[in-house]
Amino acid sequence: MNSTFLKFIAVFLLITGSPFLLYSTVMSVTNEPSKKPLGVLGVTFLMIVTGIILVFKN
């Protein structure tokens, strides 16, 4: 695949993952009764890690 395309995807994952990470952290700290914030936290963490791996891979 094209290196520029992978970097674009990586930046997109980092930009979209960061606000969701902040939101889920705040929701889990404020004792939200739902289990959704922890699931969102896990997914956004994976998005950010994938973005970092794609940036440093090329």
Protein backbone atom coordinates (compact mmCIF):
# COMPACT_ATOMS: atom_id res chain seq x y z
CA MET A 1 0.00 0.00 0.00
CA ASN A 2 0.99 3.58 -0.44
CA SER A 3 2.92 5.04 2.49
CA THR A 4 1.06 8.35 2.29
CA PHE A 5 -2.29 6.57 2.47
CA LEU A 6 -1.22 4.62 5.57
CA LYS A 7 -0.05 7.81 7.28
CA PHE A 8 -3.37 9.46 6.45
CA ILE A 9 -5.23 6.54 8.03
CA ALA A 10 -2.93 6.69 11.08
CA VAL A 11 -3.54 10.41 11.61
CA PHE A 12 -7.28 9.86 11.17
CA LEU A 13 -7.24 7.13 13.84
CA LEU A 14 -5.28 9.32 16.23
CA ILE A 15 -7.54 12.35 15.72
CA THR A 16 -10.77 10.39 16.11
CA GLY A 17 -9.48 8.24 18.97
CA SER A 18 -8.27 11.01 21.26
CA PRO A 19 -11.63 12.74 22.04
CA PHE A 20 -13.34 9.39 22.60
CA LEU A 21 -10.53 8.40 24.98
CA LEU A 22 -11.06 11.58 26.98
CA TYR A 23 -14.85 11.08 27.02
CA SER A 24 -14.66 7.48 28.16
CA THR A 25 -12.11 8.31 30.86
CA VAL A 26 -14.35 11.04 32.26
CA MET A 27 -17.40 8.77 32.14
CA SER A 28 -15.62 5.92 33.91
CA VAL A 29 -14.29 8.26 36.62
CA THR A 30 -17.74 9.74 37.28
CA ASN A 31 -19.10 6.22 37.97
CA GLU A 32 -21.38 5.95 34.98
CA PRO A 33 -23.55 2.88 35.74
CA SER A 34 -23.28 1.61 32.19
CA LYS A 35 -20.40 -0.59 31.04
CA LYS A 36 -20.19 1.23 27.71
CA PRO A 37 -17.44 3.71 28.68
CA LEU A 38 -15.03 0.87 29.42
CA GLY A 39 -15.76 -0.68 26.04
CA VAL A 40 -15.26 2.66 24.32
CA LEU A 41 -12.03 3.09 26.26
CA GLY A 42 -10.72 -0.22 24.96
CA VAL A 43 -11.69 0.47 21.35
CA THR A 44 -10.19 3.97 21.33
CA PHE A 45 -7.01 2.69 22.94
CA LEU A 46 -6.71 0.16 20.11
CA MET A 47 -7.37 2.92 17.55
CA ILE A 48 -4.60 5.09 18.99
CA VAL A 49 -2.14 2.19 19.21
CA THR A 50 -2.92 1.19 15.61
CA GLY A 51 -2.37 4.78 14.50
CA ILE A 52 0.99 4.96 16.25
CA ILE A 53 2.09 1.64 14.76
CA LEU A 54 1.13 2.81 11.26
CA VAL A 55 3.04 6.08 11.71
CA PHE A 56 6.26 4.40 12.82
CA LYS A 57 5.97 1.43 10.46
CA ASN A 58 6.94 3.45 7.39
